[in-house]
Amino acid sequence: MSTAPDTAAGAPAQPDAPRPGDPQKLPLFALLALATAVFITSLTETLPAGLLPAMSGDLGVSESATGQTVTIYALGTALTAIPLTAATSGWRRKHLLLAAMAGFAVANSVTAVSSVYGLTMVARFVAGVAAGLAWALLAGYARRMAPPHLQGRAIAIAMAGIPVALSLGVPAGTFLGKVTDWRVAFLAMTGLTLVLLLWIVAAVPDYPGQRGGERPGMLQALKVPGVPPVLFVTLVFVLAHTILYAYVATFLDDLGLGDDTDLVLLVFGAASLASIWIVGARIHRQLRQLTVASTLLVAVAAALLGVLAEHTVFVYLAAVLWGLGWGGVPTLLQTAAGEAGGDHADGAQAMLVTLWNVAMAAGGVIGGVLLDTAGSDSFPWTLLGLLAPVLVVVLYARSAGFPARHADAS
């Protein structure tokens, strides 16, 4: 890993000097604040997936058009993450994190009160811009807080906000939208963000930005043998997942399970929590094996939804397998990119964040086109077709990217 100063796209492998007398412990309270920031970022991005029917009715557009609220969010991140990362590279890290989270408070508030589709899309784009800053910052921030041998665990704690958002946030938001109004779910996000801003001020340490002239070396990172396979897997795996997840409420509604959307998402998210626990415990020894297993689990889930979706029990089984496969993927790919990049880990992380959100945007668009032209039952088969090259690349990249022999970080 690089030993250069922290960048908004990735921190150095060596953190700032630990506090005297406490060099071996993780700053758990501060890391949980980062996990909450990840939670807010993930939930803001995915919350419309559980609220599509209600949102489309109030905004006066089709469900496929409402699904583009996920697309525009991802576009905001993909288009601005790299230039904003460079422009803010000299900022104090804490100031940048506070600015990013304040952006979420504003964007979610506007989304909650808007009845105009165009204004809602602008708000979602702004949320995506804030996400670009946050995502490029958070993994490196977590690494920087930890002693070297605990950096992987620190990242796992921070990234736990993703499966918590999926397991609790999206189902809770879906349920809240069902019993009250979908706007209440977005207002609740604003309230949580305001609490988080105070938490960050009180508990999260500050670090300096980059020294003048330093920028993520993205072109150099592409020349490192292991980086392109990791970026390819990121792009295609996230694309496959998003095509189904962005329209999961519509997919379940077409199966006659619209009233069970919150429960199916709860099952999916609980399995995701189990997945990130397993990944966090074993990633330093079995990154390759875990990535292969994740791909296969999501593929089996897609096959079940394609063949046996008329049976409710298999829908729930698919949700379990999907969650077990997907929950640890962000941690796996962040770690793979950082380790493959070596001295250019910061550039690799910046490209991963960008490609992740390009895939999210493309998934929203492709999913909407498929919904309008082939119907929601085409989603599982599309997912399966995309996962085939993912598995091939992971298996092929055994010498770099997803190495067959992975050293224990300790």
Protein backbone atom coordinates (compact mmCIF):
# COMPACT_ATOMS: atom_id res chain seq x y z
CA MET A 1 0.00 0.00 0.00
CA SER A 2 1.05 3.57 -0.60
CA THR A 3 2.71 5.51 2.13
CA ALA A 4 1.86 8.87 0.58
CA PRO A 5 -0.33 11.29 2.55
CA ASP A 6 -4.04 10.64 2.72
CA THR A 7 -6.08 11.55 -0.31
CA ALA A 8 -9.81 11.91 -0.63
CA ALA A 9 -9.74 8.74 -2.67
CA GLY A 10 -7.64 6.62 -0.34
CA ALA A 11 -5.50 6.97 2.74
CA PRO A 12 -1.98 5.67 3.18
CA ALA A 13 -1.37 2.26 4.57
CA GLN A 14 0.50 3.84 7.49
CA PRO A 15 -1.72 6.04 9.68
CA ASP A 16 -0.68 9.12 11.58
CA ALA A 17 1.19 8.27 14.77
CA PRO A 18 -1.13 6.55 17.25
CA ARG A 19 -1.90 8.21 20.50
CA PRO A 20 0.62 7.42 23.25
CA GLY A 21 -0.32 4.50 25.44
CA ASP A 22 -3.12 3.30 23.14
CA PRO A 23 -1.47 2.15 19.90
CA GLN A 24 -3.25 -1.15 19.41
CA LYS A 25 -6.91 -0.16 19.77
CA LEU A 26 -9.43 0.95 17.21
CA PRO A 27 -11.22 4.28 17.88
CA LEU A 28 -14.58 2.54 17.79
CA PHE A 29 -16.79 5.56 18.54
CA ALA A 30 -15.22 7.55 15.72
CA LEU A 31 -15.37 4.59 13.33
CA LEU A 32 -19.06 4.16 14.11
CA ALA A 33 -19.56 7.78 13.08
CA LEU A 34 -17.98 6.92 9.73
CA ALA A 35 -20.20 3.83 9.51
CA THR A 36 -23.21 6.09 10.05
CA ALA A 37 -21.99 8.36 7.26
CA VAL A 38 -21.72 5.30 5.00
CA PHE A 39 -25.22 4.28 6.15
CA ILE A 40 -26.66 7.68 5.18
CA THR A 41 -24.83 7.65 1.86
CA SER A 42 -26.02 4.13 1.00
CA LEU A 43 -29.58 4.66 2.19
CA THR A 44 -29.98 7.95 0.35
CA GLU A 45 -28.86 6.16 -2.81
CA THR A 46 -31.07 3.08 -2.49
CA LEU A 47 -34.15 4.31 -0.59
CA PRO A 48 -36.16 4.99 -3.76
CA ALA A 49 -35.93 1.27 -4.60
CA GLY A 50 -38.48 0.51 -1.88
CA LEU A 51 -40.65 3.56 -2.55
CA LEU A 52 -40.97 3.60 -6.35
CA PRO A 53 -44.76 3.13 -6.63
CA ALA A 54 -45.58 5.86 -4.10
CA MET A 55 -42.95 8.28 -5.42
CA SER A 56 -44.05 7.82 -9.03
CA GLY A 57 -47.66 8.53 -8.11
CA ASP A 58 -46.87 11.78 -6.30
CA LEU A 59 -44.37 12.97 -8.91
CA GLY A 60 -46.71 12.13 -11.79
CA VAL A 61 -44.25 9.98 -13.74
CA SER A 62 -43.85 6.28 -14.51
CA GLU A 63 -42.01 3.88 -12.21
CA SER A 64 -39.20 3.52 -14.73
CA ALA A 65 -38.82 7.32 -14.76
CA THR A 66 -38.82 7.37 -10.96
CA GLY A 67 -36.13 4.71 -11.05
CA GLN A 68 -33.90 7.30 -12.69
CA THR A 69 -33.66 9.02 -9.30
CA VAL A 70 -31.11 6.28 -8.58
CA THR A 71 -29.44 6.90 -11.94
CA ILE A 72 -29.09 10.67 -11.49
CA TYR A 73 -27.65 10.18 -8.00
CA ALA A 74 -25.01 7.85 -9.37
CA LEU A 75 -24.28 10.21 -12.26
CA GLY A 76 -23.72 13.04 -9.79
CA THR A 77 -21.08 10.91 -8.10
CA ALA A 78 -19.49 9.55 -11.26
CA LEU A 79 -19.17 12.93 -12.99
CA THR A 80 -17.86 14.92 -10.06
CA ALA A 81 -15.96 12.53 -7.76
CA ILE A 82 -12.58 12.85 -9.48
CA PRO A 83 -12.56 16.62 -10.19
CA LEU A 84 -13.94 17.45 -6.75
CA THR A 85 -11.50 15.07 -5.10
CA ALA A 86 -8.66 16.90 -6.83
CA ALA A 87 -10.09 20.35 -6.07
CA THR A 88 -10.52 19.58 -2.36
CA SER A 89 -7.36 17.52 -1.90
CA GLY A 90 -5.79 20.21 0.30
CA TRP A 91 -8.79 20.54 2.62
CA ARG A 92 -8.68 19.31 6.17
CA ARG A 93 -10.32 15.90 6.16
CA LYS A 94 -12.86 16.66 8.88
CA HIS A 95 -13.99 19.86 7.17
CA LEU A 96 -14.50 17.96 3.93
CA LEU A 97 -16.49 15.20 5.65
CA LEU A 98 -18.74 17.77 7.35
CA ALA A 99 -19.34 19.54 4.04
CA ALA A 100 -20.25 16.29 2.30
CA MET A 101 -22.72 15.26 5.00
CA ALA A 102 -24.30 18.73 5.06
CA GLY A 103 -24.94 18.23 1.35
CA PHE A 104 -27.00 15.14 2.17
CA ALA A 105 -29.09 17.08 4.69
CA VAL A 106 -29.96 19.69 2.07
CA ALA A 107 -30.61 17.22 -0.76
CA ASN A 108 -32.83 14.89 1.27
CA SER A 109 -34.83 17.83 2.61
CA VAL A 110 -35.51 19.11 -0.91
CA THR A 111 -36.43 15.59 -2.07
CA ALA A 112 -38.90 15.28 0.80
CA VAL A 113 -40.80 18.49 0.01
CA SER A 114 -40.61 18.45 -3.80
CA SER A 115 -43.66 17.62 -5.91
CA VAL A 116 -41.89 18.45 -9.18
CA TYR A 117 -39.98 15.66 -10.91
CA GLY A 118 -37.30 18.00 -12.28
CA LEU A 119 -36.57 19.51 -8.85
CA THR A 120 -36.41 16.05 -7.32
CA MET A 121 -33.87 15.01 -9.93
CA VAL A 122 -31.75 18.11 -9.20
CA ALA A 123 -31.82 17.28 -5.48
CA ARG A 124 -30.81 13.70 -6.19
CA PHE A 125 -27.92 14.90 -8.36
CA VAL A 126 -26.71 17.12 -5.52
CA ALA A 127 -26.90 14.13 -3.17
CA GLY A 128 -24.76 12.21 -5.65
CA VAL A 129 -22.17 14.98 -5.69
CA ALA A 130 -22.01 14.85 -1.88
CA ALA A 131 -21.67 11.08 -2.12
CA GLY A 132 -18.72 11.42 -4.48
CA LEU A 133 -16.84 13.39 -1.84
CA ALA A 134 -17.90 11.08 0.98
CA TRP A 135 -17.19 7.76 -0.73
CA ALA A 136 -13.78 8.85 -1.91
CA LEU A 137 -12.94 9.94 1.63
CA LEU A 138 -14.40 7.37 4.02
CA ALA A 139 -12.36 4.21 3.42
CA GLY A 140 -9.11 6.16 3.60
CA TYR A 141 -10.31 8.00 6.70
CA ALA A 142 -11.02 4.70 8.44
CA ARG A 143 -7.58 3.33 7.52
CA ARG A 144 -5.91 6.45 8.79
CA MET A 145 -7.47 6.06 12.24
CA ALA A 146 -6.18 2.53 12.74
CA PRO A 147 -2.83 0.94 13.57
CA PRO A 148 -1.43 -0.90 10.53
CA HIS A 149 -2.46 -4.42 11.54
CA LEU A 150 -6.07 -3.32 12.19
CA GLN A 151 -6.65 -1.22 9.07
CA GLY A 152 -8.67 -3.93 7.32
CA ARG A 153 -10.91 -4.27 10.34
CA ALA A 154 -11.33 -0.49 10.52
CA ILE A 155 -12.51 -0.43 6.91
CA ALA A 156 -14.91 -3.31 7.60
CA ILE A 157 -16.43 -1.38 10.53
CA ALA A 158 -16.86 1.76 8.44
CA MET A 159 -18.28 -0.18 5.48
CA ALA A 160 -20.74 -1.94 7.80
CA GLY A 161 -22.97 1.05 7.16
CA ILE A 162 -23.81 -0.45 3.76
CA PRO A 163 -25.42 -3.72 4.94
CA VAL A 164 -27.04 -1.91 7.88
CA ALA A 165 -28.64 0.45 5.35
CA LEU A 166 -29.82 -2.54 3.35
CA SER A 167 -30.92 -4.63 6.32
CA LEU A 168 -32.57 -1.95 8.43
CA GLY A 169 -32.65 1.33 6.53
CA VAL A 170 -34.35 0.40 3.28
CA PRO A 171 -36.94 -1.93 4.89
CA ALA A 172 -37.63 0.65 7.61
CA GLY A 173 -37.90 3.42 5.03
CA THR A 174 -40.20 1.26 2.90
CA PHE A 175 -42.38 0.46 5.92
CA LEU A 176 -42.42 4.10 7.02
CA GLY A 177 -43.42 5.18 3.54
CA LYS A 178 -46.18 2.58 3.50
CA VAL A 179 -47.75 3.53 6.85
CA THR A 180 -47.22 7.30 6.57
CA ASP A 181 -45.77 8.89 3.44
CA TRP A 182 -42.62 8.34 1.43
CA ARG A 183 -41.60 11.93 2.17
CA VAL A 184 -41.34 11.13 5.88
CA ALA A 185 -38.58 8.60 5.11
CA PHE A 186 -36.46 11.31 3.46
CA LEU A 187 -37.12 13.78 6.28
CA ALA A 188 -35.99 11.13 8.76
CA MET A 189 -32.74 10.91 6.80
CA THR A 190 -32.27 14.65 7.24
CA GLY A 191 -32.78 14.36 10.98
CA LEU A 192 -30.23 11.55 11.25
CA THR A 193 -27.72 13.57 9.22
CA LEU A 194 -28.02 16.53 11.57
CA VAL A 195 -27.28 14.24 14.51
CA LEU A 196 -24.29 12.82 12.64
CA LEU A 197 -22.84 16.29 12.00
CA LEU A 198 -22.70 16.86 15.76
CA TRP A 199 -21.21 13.38 16.25
CA ILE A 200 -18.44 14.07 13.74
CA VAL A 201 -17.60 17.40 15.39
CA ALA A 202 -17.37 15.73 18.80
CA ALA A 203 -15.70 12.39 18.04
CA VAL A 204 -13.94 12.16 14.68
CA PRO A 205 -10.26 13.20 14.56
CA ASP A 206 -9.06 15.63 11.95
CA TYR A 207 -6.20 15.08 9.49
CA PRO A 208 -4.51 17.38 6.99
CA GLY A 209 -5.17 17.13 3.28
CA GLN A 210 -2.57 16.38 0.65
CA ARG A 211 0.60 18.32 0.21
CA GLY A 212 0.59 20.70 -2.73
CA GLY A 213 0.81 19.12 -6.14
CA GLU A 214 -0.13 15.57 -5.14
CA ARG A 215 -3.05 14.01 -6.99
CA PRO A 216 -4.39 10.47 -7.29
CA GLY A 217 -2.33 8.68 -9.96
CA MET A 218 -5.15 7.10 -11.92
CA LEU A 219 -3.32 6.57 -15.20
CA GLN A 220 -0.39 5.07 -13.34
CA ALA A 221 -2.78 2.82 -11.39
CA LEU A 222 -4.19 1.43 -14.65
CA LYS A 223 -0.71 0.18 -15.56
CA VAL A 224 -0.46 -1.91 -12.38
CA PRO A 225 -1.32 -5.51 -13.39
CA GLY A 226 -3.92 -6.21 -10.71
CA VAL A 227 -5.90 -2.99 -10.96
CA PRO A 228 -7.78 -3.44 -14.30
CA PRO A 229 -9.31 -6.80 -13.26
CA VAL A 230 -10.55 -5.31 -9.99
CA LEU A 231 -12.05 -2.32 -11.81
CA PHE A 232 -13.74 -4.58 -14.38
CA VAL A 233 -15.27 -6.72 -11.65
CA THR A 234 -16.45 -3.58 -9.85
CA LEU A 235 -18.11 -2.15 -12.94
CA VAL A 236 -19.92 -5.30 -14.05
CA PHE A 237 -20.81 -6.73 -10.63
CA VAL A 238 -22.33 -3.44 -9.45
CA LEU A 239 -24.15 -3.05 -12.78
CA ALA A 240 -25.70 -6.50 -12.42
CA HIS A 241 -26.77 -5.89 -8.83
CA THR A 242 -28.26 -2.47 -9.56
CA ILE A 243 -30.41 -3.60 -12.48
CA LEU A 244 -32.41 -5.77 -10.09
CA TYR A 245 -32.10 -3.84 -6.83
CA ALA A 246 -33.16 -0.45 -8.24
CA TYR A 247 -36.47 -1.98 -9.35
CA VAL A 248 -36.91 -4.63 -6.66
CA ALA A 249 -40.21 -3.10 -5.47
CA THR A 250 -41.63 -3.29 -8.99
CA PHE A 251 -40.20 -6.80 -9.50
CA LEU A 252 -41.88 -8.04 -6.32
CA ASP A 253 -45.12 -6.23 -7.15
CA ASP A 254 -45.25 -8.03 -10.49
CA LEU A 255 -44.90 -11.31 -8.59
CA GLY A 256 -47.84 -10.39 -6.38
CA LEU A 257 -45.54 -9.74 -3.42
CA GLY A 258 -45.73 -5.95 -3.37
CA ASP A 259 -46.95 -5.95 0.23
CA ASP A 260 -43.92 -8.03 1.24
CA THR A 261 -41.31 -5.67 -0.19
CA ASP A 262 -40.18 -4.40 3.20
CA LEU A 263 -39.92 -7.95 4.60
CA VAL A 264 -38.00 -9.27 1.58
CA LEU A 265 -35.59 -6.35 1.86
CA LEU A 266 -35.23 -7.03 5.58
CA VAL A 267 -34.26 -10.65 4.87
CA PHE A 268 -31.83 -9.52 2.17
CA GLY A 269 -30.27 -6.97 4.50
CA ALA A 270 -29.96 -9.33 7.46
CA ALA A 271 -28.08 -11.75 5.22
CA SER A 272 -25.90 -8.83 4.08
CA LEU A 273 -24.99 -8.13 7.70
CA ALA A 274 -23.90 -11.74 8.13
CA SER A 275 -21.89 -11.44 4.92
CA ILE A 276 -19.91 -8.40 6.03
CA TRP A 277 -19.16 -10.06 9.37
CA ILE A 278 -17.76 -13.11 7.57
CA VAL A 279 -15.79 -10.96 5.14
CA GLY A 280 -14.40 -8.76 7.89
CA ALA A 281 -13.17 -11.82 9.77
CA ARG A 282 -11.55 -13.61 6.82
CA ILE A 283 -10.68 -11.04 4.17
CA HIS A 284 -6.96 -10.91 4.92
CA ARG A 285 -6.55 -14.62 4.27
CA GLN A 286 -9.26 -15.41 1.74
CA LEU A 287 -10.02 -12.37 -0.39
CA ARG A 288 -10.04 -14.40 -3.61
CA GLN A 289 -12.17 -17.23 -2.23
CA LEU A 290 -14.65 -14.78 -0.72
CA THR A 291 -14.98 -12.89 -4.03
CA VAL A 292 -15.64 -16.13 -5.93
CA ALA A 293 -18.17 -17.20 -3.31
CA SER A 294 -19.94 -13.83 -3.46
CA THR A 295 -20.27 -14.03 -7.24
CA LEU A 296 -21.64 -17.59 -7.12
CA LEU A 297 -24.13 -16.82 -4.35
CA VAL A 298 -25.61 -13.86 -6.24
CA ALA A 299 -25.73 -15.95 -9.42
CA VAL A 300 -27.64 -18.76 -7.66
CA ALA A 301 -30.04 -16.18 -6.23
CA ALA A 302 -30.68 -14.80 -9.73
CA ALA A 303 -31.27 -18.31 -11.08
CA LEU A 304 -33.84 -18.98 -8.35
CA LEU A 305 -35.65 -15.74 -9.15
CA GLY A 306 -35.60 -16.60 -12.84
CA VAL A 307 -36.91 -20.14 -12.50
CA LEU A 308 -38.86 -20.43 -9.24
CA ALA A 309 -40.06 -16.92 -8.46
CA GLU A 310 -43.70 -18.03 -8.53
CA HIS A 311 -43.03 -19.85 -5.26
CA THR A 312 -42.77 -17.35 -2.39
CA VAL A 313 -40.40 -19.51 -0.35
CA PHE A 314 -37.83 -19.44 -3.15
CA VAL A 315 -38.08 -15.65 -3.40
CA TYR A 316 -37.10 -15.42 0.26
CA LEU A 317 -34.36 -18.02 -0.21
CA ALA A 318 -33.03 -15.98 -3.13
CA ALA A 319 -33.08 -12.87 -0.93
CA VAL A 320 -30.93 -14.70 1.65
CA LEU A 321 -28.41 -15.87 -0.95
CA TRP A 322 -28.34 -12.48 -2.64
CA GLY A 323 -27.62 -10.77 0.67
CA LEU A 324 -24.94 -13.28 1.64
CA GLY A 325 -23.27 -12.73 -1.71
CA TRP A 326 -23.58 -8.97 -1.95
CA GLY A 327 -23.09 -7.73 1.62
CA GLY A 328 -19.30 -8.07 1.69
CA VAL A 329 -18.67 -6.97 -1.90
CA PRO A 330 -17.90 -3.29 -1.11
CA THR A 331 -15.28 -4.29 1.45
CA LEU A 332 -13.83 -6.95 -0.85
CA LEU A 333 -13.47 -4.61 -3.81
CA GLN A 334 -12.18 -1.65 -1.78
CA THR A 335 -9.54 -3.91 -0.25
CA ALA A 336 -8.65 -5.56 -3.57
CA ALA A 337 -8.24 -2.18 -5.29
CA GLY A 338 -6.07 -0.78 -2.51
CA GLU A 339 -3.80 -3.80 -2.34
CA ALA A 340 -3.54 -4.27 -6.10
CA GLY A 341 -2.70 -0.59 -6.56
CA GLY A 342 0.31 -0.69 -4.25
CA ASP A 343 2.04 2.69 -4.51
CA HIS A 344 -0.85 3.88 -6.68
CA ALA A 345 -3.57 2.72 -4.30
CA ASP A 346 -5.04 6.23 -4.10
CA GLY A 347 -5.59 6.34 -7.87
CA ALA A 348 -7.07 2.85 -7.88
CA GLN A 349 -9.53 3.82 -5.14
CA ALA A 350 -10.55 6.99 -6.99
CA MET A 351 -11.28 4.99 -10.14
CA LEU A 352 -13.19 2.36 -8.17
CA VAL A 353 -15.48 5.01 -6.67
CA THR A 354 -16.10 6.49 -10.12
CA LEU A 355 -16.76 3.17 -11.84
CA TRP A 356 -18.98 2.01 -9.00
CA ASN A 357 -21.27 4.97 -9.61
CA VAL A 358 -21.06 4.69 -13.39
CA ALA A 359 -22.37 1.16 -12.88
CA MET A 360 -25.14 2.42 -10.58
CA ALA A 361 -26.20 4.98 -13.16
CA ALA A 362 -26.08 2.48 -16.01
CA GLY A 363 -28.02 -0.04 -13.93
CA GLY A 364 -30.83 2.42 -13.36
CA VAL A 365 -31.03 3.21 -17.09
CA ILE A 366 -30.74 -0.37 -18.32
CA GLY A 367 -33.20 -1.58 -15.70
CA GLY A 368 -35.71 1.06 -16.78
CA VAL A 369 -35.33 0.09 -20.45
CA LEU A 370 -35.71 -3.59 -19.61
CA LEU A 371 -38.78 -2.87 -17.49
CA ASP A 372 -40.48 -0.99 -20.33
CA THR A 373 -39.48 -3.39 -23.13
CA ALA A 374 -39.08 -6.89 -21.68
CA GLY A 375 -40.74 -6.71 -18.27
CA SER A 376 -39.33 -7.21 -14.80
CA ASP A 377 -38.95 -10.97 -15.28
CA SER A 378 -35.96 -10.20 -17.52
CA PHE A 379 -33.95 -8.85 -14.57
CA PRO A 380 -32.68 -12.16 -13.12
CA TRP A 381 -31.49 -13.43 -16.51
CA THR A 382 -29.70 -10.16 -17.25
CA LEU A 383 -28.00 -10.40 -13.88
CA LEU A 384 -26.88 -13.97 -14.61
CA GLY A 385 -25.48 -12.99 -17.98
CA LEU A 386 -23.41 -10.20 -16.44
CA LEU A 387 -22.07 -12.32 -13.59
CA ALA A 388 -20.55 -14.89 -15.97
CA PRO A 389 -17.67 -12.61 -17.10
CA VAL A 390 -17.23 -11.40 -13.51
CA LEU A 391 -16.53 -14.96 -12.38
CA VAL A 392 -14.19 -15.56 -15.31
CA VAL A 393 -12.12 -12.45 -14.53
CA VAL A 394 -11.90 -13.20 -10.81
CA LEU A 395 -10.71 -16.74 -11.55
CA TYR A 396 -8.27 -15.50 -14.19
CA ALA A 397 -6.74 -12.77 -12.00
CA ARG A 398 -5.11 -15.27 -9.64
CA SER A 399 -1.66 -13.68 -9.80
CA ALA A 400 -2.74 -10.05 -9.38
CA GLY A 401 -6.01 -8.42 -8.44
CA PHE A 402 -7.53 -11.43 -6.70
CA PRO A 403 -4.36 -13.41 -5.81
CA ALA A 404 -4.53 -17.09 -5.06
CA ARG A 405 -2.12 -16.63 -2.15
CA HIS A 406 -3.15 -13.74 0.03
CA ALA A 407 -0.91 -12.79 2.90
CA ASP A 408 -2.29 -12.13 6.34
CA ALA A 409 -2.02 -8.40 7.02
CA SER A 410 -0.82 -9.05 10.55
